[in-house]
Amino acid sequence: MEIFKEFHFEAAHRLPNVPAGHKCARLHGHSFQVRLVVSGEACEPSGWVMDFGDIKAAFKPVLDRLDHYYLNDIPGLENPTSENIARWIWNELKPQLPGLSQIEVRETCTSGCIYRGSQDVTKPLQAGNM
């Protein structure tokens, strides 16, 4: 069984490794959406996989480091793509949420990344090899 809790944060960033002239190389911001998915069995007597309040409490210190900040200044997010943000959140949060099974980061209504931990690691695509 899976449960999820959603959060949002506002942040600015720029992508330093995109081709010259790419719009994402310029400073800009997003209203990021984050969905945390926790897997487990619904335990008795509560009937819960986990208390949603516990997910919120675990994520708060991470969220506080992201909300209304320039992401490039955060150690580990020097290249803050959606993919790298999702991986960074996973690495920060997994020790506090052992049942964490998926993180979704959306930077717009139509674009984002889903990360499921180290099982998602595959050979990276290079531009032109897609």
Protein backbone atom coordinates (compact mmCIF):
# COMPACT_ATOMS: atom_id res chain seq x y z
CA MET A 1 0.00 0.00 0.00
CA GLU A 2 1.19 3.52 -0.72
CA ILE A 3 0.26 6.85 0.80
CA PHE A 4 1.39 10.29 -0.29
CA LYS A 5 1.68 13.80 1.05
CA GLU A 6 2.15 16.86 -1.14
CA PHE A 7 4.08 20.04 -0.45
CA HIS A 8 5.07 23.14 -2.38
CA PHE A 9 7.86 25.65 -2.22
CA GLU A 10 8.96 28.74 -4.10
CA ALA A 11 12.57 28.98 -5.21
CA ALA A 12 14.88 30.54 -7.76
CA HIS A 13 17.59 28.77 -9.72
CA ARG A 14 19.52 28.69 -12.93
CA LEU A 15 20.94 25.71 -14.78
CA PRO A 16 24.68 26.18 -15.31
CA ASN A 17 25.22 23.18 -17.61
CA VAL A 18 22.71 23.92 -20.38
CA PRO A 19 23.86 25.11 -23.82
CA ALA A 20 24.73 28.78 -24.25
CA GLY A 21 21.63 30.87 -24.80
CA HIS A 22 19.23 28.33 -23.26
CA LYS A 23 16.45 30.09 -21.33
CA CYS A 24 17.10 27.98 -18.22
CA ALA A 25 20.63 29.38 -17.96
CA ARG A 26 19.07 32.66 -16.84
CA LEU A 27 17.97 33.23 -13.26
CA HIS A 28 14.31 32.29 -12.89
CA GLY A 29 11.94 30.80 -10.35
CA HIS A 30 9.29 28.15 -9.97
CA SER A 31 6.45 27.20 -7.69
CA PHE A 32 7.75 23.67 -7.09
CA GLN A 33 5.39 20.85 -6.10
CA VAL A 34 6.71 17.83 -4.21
CA ARG A 35 4.85 14.56 -3.66
CA LEU A 36 6.33 12.11 -1.16
CA VAL A 37 5.15 8.51 -1.41
CA VAL A 38 5.56 6.13 1.54
CA SER A 39 4.99 2.39 1.16
CA GLY A 40 4.03 -0.08 3.86
CA GLU A 41 1.24 -2.04 5.41
CA ALA A 42 -1.64 -0.41 7.23
CA CYS A 43 -0.94 -1.33 10.85
CA GLU A 44 -3.47 -1.99 13.58
CA PRO A 45 -4.94 -0.44 15.58
CA SER A 46 -4.55 2.87 13.65
CA GLY A 47 -5.19 1.40 10.21
CA TRP A 48 -2.47 3.72 8.86
CA VAL A 49 0.67 3.08 6.86
CA MET A 50 2.02 6.19 8.60
CA ASP A 51 0.62 9.31 10.21
CA PHE A 52 0.58 12.11 7.60
CA GLY A 53 1.73 14.45 10.37
CA ASP A 54 4.90 12.38 10.77
CA ILE A 55 5.64 12.74 7.05
CA LYS A 56 5.14 16.50 7.36
CA ALA A 57 7.40 16.69 10.41
CA ALA A 58 10.15 14.67 8.69
CA PHE A 59 10.04 16.85 5.57
CA LYS A 60 9.88 20.23 7.35
CA PRO A 61 13.66 20.65 7.88
CA VAL A 62 14.26 19.80 4.21
CA LEU A 63 11.48 22.09 3.01
CA ASP A 64 12.84 24.92 5.16
CA ARG A 65 16.17 24.65 3.33
CA LEU A 66 14.46 25.00 -0.08
CA ASP A 67 11.57 27.42 0.33
CA HIS A 68 12.36 30.95 -0.88
CA TYR A 69 16.03 30.19 -1.47
CA TYR A 70 18.37 30.31 -4.45
CA LEU A 71 18.79 26.57 -5.01
CA ASN A 72 22.24 26.84 -6.61
CA ASP A 73 23.63 27.99 -3.24
CA ILE A 74 22.56 24.79 -1.46
CA PRO A 75 25.38 22.22 -1.21
CA GLY A 76 24.54 19.36 -3.56
CA LEU A 77 22.22 21.48 -5.71
CA GLU A 78 24.74 23.46 -7.69
CA ASN A 79 22.98 22.18 -10.84
CA PRO A 80 19.37 22.18 -9.60
CA THR A 81 17.51 20.30 -12.32
CA SER A 82 14.26 18.59 -11.34
CA GLU A 83 16.18 15.32 -11.43
CA ASN A 84 18.89 16.57 -9.08
CA ILE A 85 16.36 18.18 -6.73
CA ALA A 86 14.43 14.90 -6.47
CA ARG A 87 17.62 12.93 -5.77
CA TRP A 88 18.80 15.51 -3.23
CA ILE A 89 15.47 15.41 -1.37
CA TRP A 90 15.61 11.60 -1.37
CA ASN A 91 19.10 11.58 0.13
CA GLU A 92 18.12 14.13 2.79
CA LEU A 93 14.83 12.46 3.70
CA LYS A 94 15.29 8.69 3.34
CA PRO A 95 17.03 8.27 6.75
CA GLN A 96 14.02 9.87 8.48
CA LEU A 97 11.42 8.08 6.32
CA PRO A 98 12.57 4.49 5.76
CA GLY A 99 9.29 3.68 3.96
CA LEU A 100 9.90 6.43 1.39
CA SER A 101 9.40 4.81 -2.01
CA GLN A 102 9.01 7.68 -4.46
CA ILE A 103 9.51 11.42 -4.79
CA GLU A 104 7.88 13.50 -7.47
CA VAL A 105 9.17 17.03 -8.10
CA ARG A 106 7.25 19.29 -10.49
CA GLU A 107 8.69 22.60 -11.54
CA THR A 108 5.68 23.47 -13.72
CA CYS A 109 2.17 22.10 -14.16
CA THR A 110 3.41 19.90 -17.00
CA SER A 111 7.05 19.09 -16.21
CA GLY A 112 8.78 17.21 -13.44
CA CYS A 113 10.69 14.17 -12.29
CA ILE A 114 9.80 10.97 -10.45
CA TYR A 115 12.61 9.38 -8.45
CA ARG A 116 12.49 6.00 -6.72
CA GLY A 117 15.93 5.86 -5.16
CA SER A 118 19.00 4.00 -6.35
CA GLN A 119 16.88 1.54 -8.35
CA ASP A 120 16.32 4.45 -10.77
CA VAL A 121 20.03 4.64 -11.59
CA THR A 122 20.66 3.88 -15.23
CA LYS A 123 23.17 5.08 -17.76
CA PRO A 124 22.58 8.83 -18.16
CA LEU A 125 21.38 10.04 -21.54
CA GLN A 126 23.68 12.42 -23.34
CA ALA A 127 22.35 15.16 -25.58
CA GLY A 128 21.95 13.77 -29.07
CA ASN A 129 21.70 10.15 -27.85
CA MET A 130 17.99 10.26 -27.01
